Amino acid sequence: AHRCRSVTGPSRALAATQRRTTLRSAILRRTAALRRTSTDATPKKEKPPSFHSEKGGVVENMKTSATRNAETLPALNDLVGLAGFGLITVQWLMDDVLVLRSFGLASCASMIIFNLCRKPPVMLPVYFNVLFIAVNGYFVARIMDERRDI
């Protein structure tokens, strides 16, 4: 009987130590979780909406409609992109500057459609192609004005 007491005595002490260790680790986990939630609960400063992310803005509407079109017609979008690159290639074969700039206008318009219909839309090339259309359009109008007098 004495022997049973000595065997159960250390096992009780071991069980008590394990309970204390488990309790400590549970307290530490709960404390860490509370720290995380208290730092997450601090109010974050909201960024003012930019021109590109405003709902209902021109750019947002273009992105939405372009993404919707890209989901329905992916093969057509690839063809438009290939046509744009083809027009860029053909434009460099032209001798007449008016025809060259006209092909430039068509290729830029094609590239705008291609980049808007990608998922997600790539806006930086769209902005530059709009700039190229403005520049080429100005020079096409100027060349046509000069040729009208002849």
Protein backbone atom coordinates (compact mmCIF):
# COMPACT_ATOMS: atom_id res chain seq x y z
CA ALA A 1 0.00 0.00 0.00
CA HIS A 2 2.88 2.29 0.80
CA ARG A 3 4.32 1.60 -2.59
CA CYS A 4 1.10 2.67 -4.36
CA ARG A 5 1.12 5.98 -2.52
CA SER A 6 4.66 6.75 -3.61
CA VAL A 7 3.83 5.94 -7.24
CA THR A 8 0.66 8.02 -7.28
CA GLY A 9 2.30 10.93 -5.44
CA PRO A 10 4.76 11.86 -8.20
CA SER A 11 2.15 11.29 -10.91
CA ARG A 12 -0.18 13.73 -9.15
CA ALA A 13 2.62 16.27 -8.95
CA LEU A 14 3.38 15.71 -12.64
CA ALA A 15 -0.27 16.17 -13.56
CA ALA A 16 -0.44 19.38 -11.52
CA THR A 17 2.69 20.70 -13.26
CA GLN A 18 1.22 19.88 -16.65
CA ARG A 19 -2.03 21.67 -15.76
CA ARG A 20 -0.09 24.77 -14.66
CA THR A 21 1.96 24.72 -17.89
CA THR A 22 -1.16 24.34 -20.00
CA LEU A 23 -2.86 27.15 -18.08
CA ARG A 24 0.17 29.44 -18.54
CA SER A 25 0.32 28.78 -22.28
CA ALA A 26 -3.44 29.44 -22.57
CA ILE A 27 -3.04 32.74 -20.71
CA LEU A 28 -0.11 33.73 -22.93
CA ARG A 29 -2.09 32.91 -26.08
CA ARG A 30 -5.10 34.88 -24.86
CA THR A 31 -2.90 37.85 -23.94
CA ALA A 32 -1.22 37.79 -27.35
CA ALA A 33 -4.61 37.61 -29.07
CA LEU A 34 -5.86 40.58 -27.06
CA ARG A 35 -2.78 42.58 -27.99
CA ARG A 36 -3.31 41.83 -31.65
CA THR A 37 -6.97 42.84 -31.59
CA SER A 38 -6.26 46.00 -29.62
CA THR A 39 -3.67 47.14 -32.18
CA ASP A 40 -6.04 46.23 -35.03
CA ALA A 41 -8.83 48.21 -33.39
CA THR A 42 -6.96 51.51 -33.67
CA PRO A 43 -8.68 53.72 -36.21
CA LYS A 44 -6.86 53.81 -39.52
CA LYS A 45 -6.64 56.98 -41.53
CA GLU A 46 -8.59 56.63 -44.73
CA LYS A 47 -6.95 57.81 -47.90
CA PRO A 48 -8.91 60.32 -49.90
CA PRO A 49 -10.29 58.72 -53.06
CA SER A 50 -8.15 59.33 -56.10
CA PHE A 51 -9.41 60.20 -59.55
CA HIS A 52 -8.87 56.62 -60.68
CA SER A 53 -10.76 54.87 -57.87
CA GLU A 54 -13.82 57.08 -57.51
CA LYS A 55 -17.06 55.23 -58.05
CA GLY A 56 -19.00 56.54 -60.98
CA GLY A 57 -15.96 58.28 -62.44
CA VAL A 58 -15.08 58.08 -66.10
CA VAL A 59 -12.04 55.88 -65.54
CA GLU A 60 -13.93 53.53 -63.20
CA ASN A 61 -16.76 53.16 -65.74
CA MET A 62 -14.24 52.43 -68.50
CA LYS A 63 -12.55 49.77 -66.36
CA THR A 64 -15.87 48.15 -65.44
CA SER A 65 -17.21 47.98 -68.97
CA ALA A 66 -13.86 46.85 -70.35
CA THR A 67 -13.57 44.05 -67.80
CA ARG A 68 -17.12 42.93 -68.55
CA ASN A 69 -16.32 42.86 -72.28
CA ALA A 70 -13.07 40.97 -71.67
CA GLU A 71 -14.97 38.17 -69.94
CA THR A 72 -17.35 37.69 -72.85
CA LEU A 73 -15.01 38.13 -75.81
CA PRO A 74 -11.43 37.09 -74.94
CA ALA A 75 -10.59 35.91 -78.48
CA LEU A 76 -11.81 39.18 -80.00
CA ASN A 77 -9.62 41.12 -77.59
CA ASP A 78 -6.57 39.16 -78.74
CA LEU A 79 -7.45 39.91 -82.36
CA VAL A 80 -7.78 43.62 -81.59
CA GLY A 81 -4.35 43.55 -79.91
CA LEU A 82 -2.80 41.74 -82.87
CA ALA A 83 -4.43 44.23 -85.25
CA GLY A 84 -2.96 47.10 -83.24
CA PHE A 85 0.54 45.65 -83.40
CA GLY A 86 0.03 44.90 -87.11
CA LEU A 87 -0.99 48.50 -87.76
CA ILE A 88 2.11 49.72 -85.91
CA THR A 89 4.24 47.51 -88.13
CA VAL A 90 2.51 48.63 -91.34
CA GLN A 91 2.71 52.31 -90.40
CA TRP A 92 6.51 52.20 -90.58
CA LEU A 93 6.31 51.02 -94.21
CA MET A 94 4.54 54.21 -95.35
CA ASP A 95 6.23 56.94 -97.37
CA ASP A 96 3.49 59.52 -96.92
CA VAL A 97 3.50 61.16 -93.48
CA LEU A 98 -0.27 61.66 -93.53
CA VAL A 99 -0.88 57.94 -94.09
CA LEU A 100 1.75 57.10 -91.46
CA ARG A 101 0.02 59.27 -88.86
CA SER A 102 -3.40 57.91 -89.86
CA PHE A 103 -2.18 54.37 -89.26
CA GLY A 104 -0.77 55.62 -85.96
CA LEU A 105 -4.22 56.87 -84.97
CA ALA A 106 -5.81 53.52 -85.83
CA SER A 107 -3.13 51.52 -84.01
CA CYS A 108 -3.44 53.67 -80.88
CA ALA A 109 -7.22 53.27 -80.89
CA SER A 110 -6.79 49.52 -81.23
CA MET A 111 -4.26 49.41 -78.39
CA ILE A 112 -6.62 51.40 -76.13
CA ILE A 113 -9.36 48.82 -76.69
CA PHE A 114 -6.89 45.96 -76.17
CA ASN A 115 -5.53 47.33 -72.87
CA LEU A 116 -8.96 48.24 -71.53
CA CYS A 117 -10.28 44.74 -72.21
CA ARG A 118 -7.47 42.98 -70.40
CA LYS A 119 -8.27 41.55 -67.00
CA PRO A 120 -7.46 43.64 -65.02
CA PRO A 121 -7.39 46.65 -67.35
CA VAL A 122 -3.93 48.15 -67.82
CA MET A 123 -4.45 51.90 -67.64
CA LEU A 124 -0.92 53.31 -68.14
CA PRO A 125 -0.74 52.26 -71.83
CA VAL A 126 -4.27 53.59 -72.29
CA TYR A 127 -3.22 57.03 -71.02
CA PHE A 128 -0.17 57.11 -73.28
CA ASN A 129 -2.17 55.97 -76.30
CA VAL A 130 -4.68 58.76 -75.66
CA LEU A 131 -1.71 61.16 -75.66
CA PHE A 132 -0.42 59.64 -78.92
CA ILE A 133 -3.87 60.00 -80.50
CA ALA A 134 -3.94 63.67 -79.51
CA VAL A 135 -0.48 64.29 -80.97
CA ASN A 136 -1.13 62.33 -84.18
CA GLY A 137 -4.57 63.89 -84.54
CA TYR A 138 -3.10 67.38 -84.29
CA PHE A 139 -0.48 66.64 -86.94
CA VAL A 140 -3.00 64.91 -89.24
CA ALA A 141 -5.22 68.02 -89.05
CA ARG A 142 -2.22 70.26 -89.70
CA ILE A 143 -1.07 68.21 -92.72
CA MET A 144 -4.60 68.14 -94.15
CA ASP A 145 -4.84 71.90 -93.68
CA GLU A 146 -1.55 72.41 -95.53
CA ARG A 147 -2.59 70.08 -98.37
CA ARG A 148 -5.97 71.76 -98.76
CA ASP A 149 -4.29 74.94 -99.95
CA ILE A 150 -2.43 73.09 -102.72
